[in-house]
């Protein structure tokens, strides 16, 4: 007999990426831009969970160095399936500081794929940045 957890679909990083982008674009169309980041976080996390994804919100990211463990208060907005980190913004534009923030999270967690989703952009496709292994790829949705 299989439990629900044993039968749960295993999503690839690219399947997760597609679901994230599609859901973010639809959410932006429905709610528009300019709301607080926390609104987008709550709604996006619920929508992704409804699609069968395991979603963690406000995940603490420690620093480990030379056998030492430091809890410095870094928090990833969303981690999806333990494979993709999402950093949410609601600003006019994404800056290099936002990119460094996500890169830090990716490196500290040894995670390969991350997205900055800026719900402050007029068009959501202009507010999506995908970062893979430290390489920036702009306008993933276009």
N, C-alpha and C. Protein backbone atom coordinates (compact mmCIF):
# COMPACT_ATOMS: atom_id res chain seq x y z
N UNK A 1 0.84 -1.18 0.00
CA UNK A 1 0.00 0.00 0.00
C UNK A 1 0.88 1.24 0.00
N UNK A 2 0.57 2.19 -0.89
CA UNK A 2 1.37 3.42 -1.00
C UNK A 2 0.66 4.57 -0.30
N UNK A 3 1.43 5.38 0.39
CA UNK A 3 0.86 6.58 0.98
C UNK A 3 0.84 7.68 -0.07
N UNK A 4 0.12 8.74 0.19
CA UNK A 4 0.06 9.86 -0.74
C UNK A 4 1.45 10.43 -1.02
N UNK A 5 2.29 10.51 0.01
CA UNK A 5 3.64 11.06 -0.16
C UNK A 5 4.48 10.19 -1.09
N UNK A 6 4.28 8.88 -1.04
CA UNK A 6 5.04 7.99 -1.89
C UNK A 6 4.61 8.11 -3.36
N UNK A 7 3.38 8.48 -3.62
CA UNK A 7 2.87 8.58 -4.98
C UNK A 7 3.02 9.98 -5.56
N UNK A 8 3.50 10.90 -4.78
CA UNK A 8 3.63 12.28 -5.23
C UNK A 8 4.58 12.40 -6.41
N UNK A 9 4.19 13.19 -7.40
CA UNK A 9 5.01 13.39 -8.60
C UNK A 9 6.33 14.04 -8.23
N UNK A 10 7.39 13.60 -8.88
CA UNK A 10 8.70 14.23 -8.73
C UNK A 10 8.87 15.18 -9.92
N UNK A 11 9.04 16.45 -9.61
CA UNK A 11 9.16 17.49 -10.64
C UNK A 11 10.63 17.76 -10.95
N UNK A 12 10.95 17.92 -12.23
CA UNK A 12 12.30 18.35 -12.61
C UNK A 12 12.41 19.85 -12.37
N UNK A 13 13.63 20.35 -12.35
CA UNK A 13 13.84 21.79 -12.18
C UNK A 13 13.14 22.57 -13.29
N UNK A 14 13.20 22.08 -14.50
CA UNK A 14 12.57 22.80 -15.62
C UNK A 14 11.05 22.78 -15.54
N UNK A 15 10.47 21.68 -15.07
CA UNK A 15 9.02 21.63 -14.86
C UNK A 15 8.61 22.64 -13.77
N UNK A 16 9.41 22.69 -12.72
CA UNK A 16 9.15 23.64 -11.64
C UNK A 16 9.26 25.06 -12.18
N UNK A 17 10.31 25.33 -12.96
CA UNK A 17 10.53 26.66 -13.53
C UNK A 17 9.34 27.10 -14.38
N UNK A 18 8.85 26.21 -15.21
CA UNK A 18 7.71 26.53 -16.07
C UNK A 18 6.47 26.84 -15.24
N UNK A 19 6.22 26.03 -14.22
CA UNK A 19 5.06 26.28 -13.35
C UNK A 19 5.20 27.61 -12.61
N UNK A 20 6.40 27.92 -12.15
CA UNK A 20 6.63 29.19 -11.45
C UNK A 20 6.34 30.37 -12.36
N UNK A 21 6.94 30.36 -13.55
CA UNK A 21 6.78 31.48 -14.48
C UNK A 21 5.32 31.64 -14.91
N UNK A 22 4.69 30.55 -15.30
CA UNK A 22 3.29 30.62 -15.73
C UNK A 22 2.39 31.13 -14.61
N UNK A 23 2.61 30.64 -13.41
CA UNK A 23 1.79 31.04 -12.27
C UNK A 23 2.03 32.51 -11.92
N UNK A 24 3.29 32.95 -11.95
CA UNK A 24 3.61 34.34 -11.65
C UNK A 24 2.99 35.29 -12.67
N UNK A 25 3.06 34.93 -13.94
CA UNK A 25 2.47 35.78 -14.99
C UNK A 25 0.96 35.89 -14.79
N UNK A 26 0.30 34.77 -14.53
CA UNK A 26 -1.15 34.79 -14.32
C UNK A 26 -1.52 35.57 -13.06
N UNK A 27 -0.73 35.40 -12.01
CA UNK A 27 -0.98 36.13 -10.76
C UNK A 27 -0.84 37.64 -10.99
N UNK A 28 0.19 38.03 -11.71
CA UNK A 28 0.41 39.45 -12.01
C UNK A 28 -0.75 40.02 -12.83
N UNK A 29 -1.26 39.25 -13.78
CA UNK A 29 -2.42 39.69 -14.58
C UNK A 29 -3.64 39.90 -13.70
N UNK A 30 -3.83 39.03 -12.72
CA UNK A 30 -5.01 39.10 -11.84
C UNK A 30 -4.90 40.21 -10.79
N UNK A 31 -3.76 40.29 -10.12
CA UNK A 31 -3.62 41.25 -9.01
C UNK A 31 -3.00 42.58 -9.43
N UNK A 32 -2.30 42.57 -10.57
CA UNK A 32 -1.62 43.78 -10.99
C UNK A 32 -0.33 43.98 -10.23
N UNK A 33 0.31 45.11 -10.45
CA UNK A 33 1.59 45.39 -9.80
C UNK A 33 1.39 46.32 -8.62
N UNK A 34 2.44 46.42 -7.80
CA UNK A 34 2.49 47.43 -6.77
C UNK A 34 1.98 47.06 -5.39
N UNK A 35 1.51 45.82 -5.20
CA UNK A 35 1.11 45.40 -3.86
C UNK A 35 2.37 45.04 -3.06
N UNK A 36 2.22 44.85 -1.77
CA UNK A 36 3.34 44.43 -0.94
C UNK A 36 3.81 43.04 -1.35
N UNK A 37 5.12 42.80 -1.21
CA UNK A 37 5.69 41.50 -1.55
C UNK A 37 4.99 40.36 -0.83
N UNK A 38 4.62 40.60 0.42
CA UNK A 38 3.99 39.54 1.22
C UNK A 38 2.68 39.05 0.61
N UNK A 39 1.95 39.93 -0.08
CA UNK A 39 0.71 39.52 -0.74
C UNK A 39 1.03 38.52 -1.85
N UNK A 40 2.00 38.84 -2.67
CA UNK A 40 2.38 37.95 -3.76
C UNK A 40 2.94 36.63 -3.21
N UNK A 41 3.69 36.72 -2.12
CA UNK A 41 4.26 35.51 -1.52
C UNK A 41 3.19 34.54 -1.06
N UNK A 42 2.21 35.05 -0.33
CA UNK A 42 1.14 34.20 0.20
C UNK A 42 0.34 33.56 -0.94
N UNK A 43 -0.05 34.38 -1.91
CA UNK A 43 -0.89 33.88 -3.00
C UNK A 43 -0.10 32.94 -3.91
N UNK A 44 1.12 33.31 -4.28
CA UNK A 44 1.94 32.47 -5.16
C UNK A 44 2.22 31.12 -4.50
N UNK A 45 2.54 31.13 -3.22
CA UNK A 45 2.83 29.86 -2.54
C UNK A 45 1.61 28.96 -2.55
N UNK A 46 0.44 29.51 -2.33
CA UNK A 46 -0.80 28.71 -2.34
C UNK A 46 -1.09 28.16 -3.73
N UNK A 47 -0.92 29.00 -4.76
CA UNK A 47 -1.18 28.56 -6.14
C UNK A 47 -0.21 27.45 -6.56
N UNK A 48 1.06 27.58 -6.20
CA UNK A 48 2.04 26.55 -6.55
C UNK A 48 1.77 25.24 -5.80
N UNK A 49 1.37 25.36 -4.55
CA UNK A 49 1.02 24.16 -3.77
C UNK A 49 -0.18 23.45 -4.39
N UNK A 50 -1.13 24.21 -4.89
CA UNK A 50 -2.31 23.61 -5.54
C UNK A 50 -1.93 22.86 -6.81
N UNK A 51 -0.79 23.19 -7.39
CA UNK A 51 -0.30 22.50 -8.60
C UNK A 51 0.51 21.27 -8.23
N UNK A 52 0.58 20.96 -6.94
CA UNK A 52 1.25 19.75 -6.48
C UNK A 52 2.69 19.94 -6.04
N UNK A 53 3.15 21.18 -5.99
CA UNK A 53 4.53 21.46 -5.60
C UNK A 53 4.65 21.61 -4.08
N UNK A 54 5.77 21.15 -3.54
CA UNK A 54 6.06 21.36 -2.12
C UNK A 54 6.68 22.75 -2.00
N UNK A 55 6.03 23.63 -1.25
CA UNK A 55 6.45 25.03 -1.14
C UNK A 55 6.78 25.33 0.32
N UNK A 56 7.97 25.92 0.53
CA UNK A 56 8.36 26.39 1.86
C UNK A 56 8.48 27.91 1.79
N UNK A 57 7.94 28.59 2.80
CA UNK A 57 8.00 30.05 2.86
C UNK A 57 8.96 30.49 3.95
N UNK A 58 9.66 31.61 3.68
CA UNK A 58 10.53 32.26 4.66
C UNK A 58 11.47 31.25 5.31
N UNK A 59 12.27 30.59 4.47
CA UNK A 59 13.17 29.54 4.90
C UNK A 59 14.49 30.16 5.37
N UNK A 60 14.88 29.84 6.58
CA UNK A 60 16.14 30.32 7.14
C UNK A 60 17.31 29.70 6.38
N UNK A 61 18.28 30.54 6.04
CA UNK A 61 19.48 30.07 5.33
C UNK A 61 20.70 30.39 6.18
N UNK A 62 21.28 29.36 6.78
CA UNK A 62 22.46 29.58 7.62
C UNK A 62 23.73 29.66 6.78
N UNK A 63 24.79 30.09 7.42
CA UNK A 63 26.12 30.09 6.82
C UNK A 63 26.91 28.99 7.52
N UNK A 64 27.57 28.15 6.74
CA UNK A 64 28.45 27.13 7.30
C UNK A 64 29.83 27.35 6.72
N UNK A 65 30.80 27.49 7.62
CA UNK A 65 32.16 27.76 7.19
C UNK A 65 33.14 27.18 8.21
N UNK A 66 34.11 26.44 7.71
CA UNK A 66 35.17 25.87 8.55
C UNK A 66 34.61 25.13 9.76
N UNK A 67 33.54 24.37 9.52
CA UNK A 67 32.94 23.59 10.59
C UNK A 67 32.08 24.38 11.54
N UNK A 68 31.91 25.66 11.28
CA UNK A 68 31.08 26.52 12.14
C UNK A 68 29.74 26.78 11.47
N UNK A 69 28.72 26.96 12.29
CA UNK A 69 27.36 27.21 11.82
C UNK A 69 26.92 28.59 12.33
N UNK A 70 26.50 29.46 11.39
CA UNK A 70 26.07 30.81 11.76
C UNK A 70 24.65 31.03 11.28
N UNK A 71 23.78 31.45 12.18
CA UNK A 71 22.42 31.84 11.80
C UNK A 71 22.39 33.35 11.72
N UNK A 72 22.52 33.88 10.52
CA UNK A 72 22.62 35.33 10.34
C UNK A 72 21.33 35.98 9.86
N UNK A 73 20.25 35.24 9.85
CA UNK A 73 18.98 35.86 9.52
C UNK A 73 18.65 35.95 8.04
N UNK A 74 19.41 35.26 7.18
CA UNK A 74 19.02 35.21 5.77
C UNK A 74 17.76 34.37 5.66
N UNK A 75 16.82 34.83 4.84
CA UNK A 75 15.58 34.08 4.64
C UNK A 75 15.21 34.11 3.17
N UNK A 76 15.07 32.92 2.60
CA UNK A 76 14.58 32.81 1.23
C UNK A 76 13.07 32.96 1.27
N UNK A 77 12.52 33.76 0.36
CA UNK A 77 11.06 33.94 0.34
C UNK A 77 10.35 32.61 0.12
N UNK A 78 10.74 31.89 -0.94
CA UNK A 78 10.12 30.60 -1.24
C UNK A 78 11.19 29.62 -1.72
N UNK A 79 11.08 28.39 -1.28
CA UNK A 79 11.87 27.30 -1.84
C UNK A 79 10.87 26.25 -2.32
N UNK A 80 11.01 25.88 -3.59
CA UNK A 80 10.06 24.98 -4.23
C UNK A 80 10.72 23.62 -4.44
N UNK A 81 10.10 22.59 -3.87
CA UNK A 81 10.57 21.21 -4.03
C UNK A 81 12.02 21.03 -3.57
N UNK A 82 12.55 21.96 -2.79
CA UNK A 82 13.93 21.88 -2.37
C UNK A 82 14.92 22.09 -3.51
N UNK A 83 14.40 22.53 -4.68
CA UNK A 83 15.23 22.63 -5.89
C UNK A 83 15.34 24.03 -6.46
N UNK A 84 14.37 24.89 -6.18
CA UNK A 84 14.34 26.22 -6.80
C UNK A 84 14.04 27.26 -5.72
N UNK A 85 14.85 28.31 -5.70
CA UNK A 85 14.63 29.40 -4.74
C UNK A 85 13.99 30.58 -5.49
N UNK A 86 12.96 31.15 -4.87
CA UNK A 86 12.30 32.33 -5.44
C UNK A 86 12.48 33.49 -4.48
N UNK A 87 12.99 34.59 -5.01
CA UNK A 87 13.08 35.84 -4.27
C UNK A 87 12.06 36.78 -4.88
N UNK A 88 11.13 37.26 -4.08
CA UNK A 88 10.05 38.13 -4.55
C UNK A 88 10.37 39.59 -4.30
N UNK A 89 10.03 40.41 -5.27
CA UNK A 89 10.19 41.86 -5.15
C UNK A 89 8.93 42.53 -5.67
N UNK A 90 8.72 43.76 -5.24
CA UNK A 90 7.63 44.59 -5.76
C UNK A 90 8.18 46.01 -5.85
N UNK A 91 9.10 46.18 -6.81
CA UNK A 91 9.80 47.44 -6.98
C UNK A 91 9.82 47.83 -8.45
N UNK A 92 10.27 49.06 -8.71
CA UNK A 92 10.34 49.52 -10.09
C UNK A 92 11.22 48.65 -10.95
N UNK A 93 12.40 48.29 -10.40
CA UNK A 93 13.30 47.44 -11.17
C UNK A 93 14.15 46.60 -10.25
N UNK A 94 14.68 45.53 -10.82
CA UNK A 94 15.59 44.64 -10.10
C UNK A 94 16.99 45.22 -10.20
N UNK A 95 17.70 45.21 -9.10
CA UNK A 95 19.06 45.76 -9.08
C UNK A 95 20.09 44.64 -8.91
N UNK A 96 21.35 45.01 -9.04
CA UNK A 96 22.42 44.03 -8.84
C UNK A 96 22.44 43.53 -7.38
N UNK A 97 21.98 44.35 -6.45
CA UNK A 97 21.90 43.91 -5.05
C UNK A 97 20.91 42.76 -4.90
N UNK A 98 19.80 42.81 -5.63
CA UNK A 98 18.82 41.72 -5.60
C UNK A 98 19.43 40.45 -6.19
N UNK A 99 20.18 40.61 -7.26
CA UNK A 99 20.83 39.47 -7.90
C UNK A 99 21.86 38.85 -6.95
N UNK A 100 22.64 39.68 -6.26
CA UNK A 100 23.62 39.18 -5.30
C UNK A 100 22.93 38.45 -4.15
N UNK A 101 21.79 38.97 -3.73
CA UNK A 101 21.03 38.33 -2.65
C UNK A 101 20.65 36.90 -3.05
N UNK A 102 20.07 36.75 -4.24
CA UNK A 102 19.68 35.41 -4.68
C UNK A 102 20.90 34.52 -4.91
N UNK A 103 21.95 35.07 -5.49
CA UNK A 103 23.17 34.28 -5.68
C UNK A 103 23.73 33.78 -4.35
N UNK A 104 23.67 34.62 -3.33
CA UNK A 104 24.12 34.22 -2.00
C UNK A 104 23.31 33.03 -1.51
N UNK A 105 21.98 33.12 -1.65
CA UNK A 105 21.11 32.02 -1.21
C UNK A 105 21.41 30.74 -1.97
N UNK A 106 21.60 30.85 -3.30
CA UNK A 106 21.90 29.67 -4.11
C UNK A 106 23.21 29.02 -3.68
N UNK A 107 24.23 29.85 -3.45
CA UNK A 107 25.53 29.31 -3.06
C UNK A 107 25.48 28.68 -1.67
N UNK A 108 24.85 29.36 -0.72
CA UNK A 108 24.82 28.84 0.65
C UNK A 108 24.00 27.55 0.77
N UNK A 109 22.99 27.40 -0.07
CA UNK A 109 22.15 26.19 -0.02
C UNK A 109 22.58 25.14 -1.04
N UNK A 110 23.57 25.49 -1.87
CA UNK A 110 24.04 24.60 -2.94
C UNK A 110 22.87 24.21 -3.86
N UNK A 111 22.04 25.20 -4.15
CA UNK A 111 20.90 25.02 -5.03
C UNK A 111 21.27 25.56 -6.40
N UNK A 112 20.82 24.90 -7.44
CA UNK A 112 21.23 25.24 -8.80
C UNK A 112 20.42 26.38 -9.42
N UNK A 113 19.12 26.44 -9.14
CA UNK A 113 18.23 27.33 -9.89
C UNK A 113 17.47 28.28 -8.98
N UNK A 114 17.39 29.54 -9.40
CA UNK A 114 16.63 30.53 -8.66
C UNK A 114 15.98 31.55 -9.58
N UNK A 115 14.94 32.18 -9.07
CA UNK A 115 14.23 33.23 -9.80
C UNK A 115 14.06 34.45 -8.92
N UNK A 116 14.24 35.62 -9.51
CA UNK A 116 13.77 36.86 -8.90
C UNK A 116 12.49 37.18 -9.65
N UNK A 117 11.40 37.32 -8.92
CA UNK A 117 10.12 37.69 -9.50
C UNK A 117 9.76 39.08 -8.99
N UNK A 118 9.80 40.06 -9.87
CA UNK A 118 9.50 41.43 -9.49
C UNK A 118 8.09 41.79 -9.93
N UNK A 119 7.17 41.77 -8.97
CA UNK A 119 5.77 42.08 -9.26
C UNK A 119 5.54 43.58 -9.40
N UNK A 120 6.58 44.38 -9.24
CA UNK A 120 6.47 45.82 -9.46
C UNK A 120 6.60 46.22 -10.92
N UNK A 121 7.03 45.29 -11.76
CA UNK A 121 7.19 45.57 -13.19
C UNK A 121 5.83 45.75 -13.86
N UNK A 122 5.77 46.60 -14.86
CA UNK A 122 4.51 46.81 -15.58
C UNK A 122 4.05 45.52 -16.25
N UNK A 123 4.98 44.79 -16.85
CA UNK A 123 4.71 43.48 -17.44
C UNK A 123 5.53 42.45 -16.68
N UNK A 124 4.89 41.37 -16.26
CA UNK A 124 5.60 40.36 -15.46
C UNK A 124 6.79 39.78 -16.21
N UNK A 125 6.68 39.61 -17.52
CA UNK A 125 7.81 39.04 -18.27
C UNK A 125 9.07 39.89 -18.13
N UNK A 126 8.90 41.19 -17.88
CA UNK A 126 10.05 42.08 -17.67
C UNK A 126 10.55 42.03 -16.22
N UNK A 127 9.80 41.38 -15.35
CA UNK A 127 10.16 41.31 -13.94
C UNK A 127 10.68 39.95 -13.51
N UNK A 128 11.02 39.10 -14.49
CA UNK A 128 11.50 37.76 -14.17
C UNK A 128 12.97 37.64 -14.54
N UNK A 129 13.77 37.26 -13.56
CA UNK A 129 15.17 36.94 -13.82
C UNK A 129 15.44 35.55 -13.29
N UNK A 130 16.09 34.76 -14.11
CA UNK A 130 16.43 33.38 -13.78
C UNK A 130 17.94 33.33 -13.57
N UNK A 131 18.35 32.74 -12.46
CA UNK A 131 19.78 32.60 -12.18
C UNK A 131 20.08 31.11 -12.02
N UNK A 132 21.04 30.64 -12.81
CA UNK A 132 21.43 29.24 -12.79
C UNK A 132 22.93 29.15 -12.55
N UNK A 133 23.33 28.43 -11.53
CA UNK A 133 24.75 28.23 -11.24
C UNK A 133 25.55 29.53 -11.29
N UNK A 134 24.94 30.62 -10.86
CA UNK A 134 25.64 31.91 -10.84
C UNK A 134 25.66 32.64 -12.15
N UNK A 135 25.02 32.10 -13.16
CA UNK A 135 24.96 32.78 -14.45
C UNK A 135 23.59 33.43 -14.61
N UNK A 136 23.55 34.69 -14.91
CA UNK A 136 22.30 35.43 -15.03
C UNK A 136 21.75 35.30 -16.44
N UNK A 137 20.46 35.00 -16.52
CA UNK A 137 19.79 34.93 -17.81
C UNK A 137 18.54 35.78 -17.71
N UNK A 138 18.56 36.96 -18.33
CA UNK A 138 17.47 37.91 -18.19
C UNK A 138 16.25 37.51 -19.00
N UNK A 139 15.11 38.01 -18.56
CA UNK A 139 13.85 37.91 -19.28
C UNK A 139 13.54 36.47 -19.70
N UNK A 140 13.50 35.59 -18.72
CA UNK A 140 13.23 34.18 -18.95
C UNK A 140 11.89 33.97 -19.65
N UNK A 141 10.90 34.78 -19.32
CA UNK A 141 9.54 34.55 -19.82
C UNK A 141 9.34 35.07 -21.22
N UNK A 142 10.25 35.86 -21.75
CA UNK A 142 10.02 36.46 -23.07
C UNK A 142 10.34 35.49 -24.20
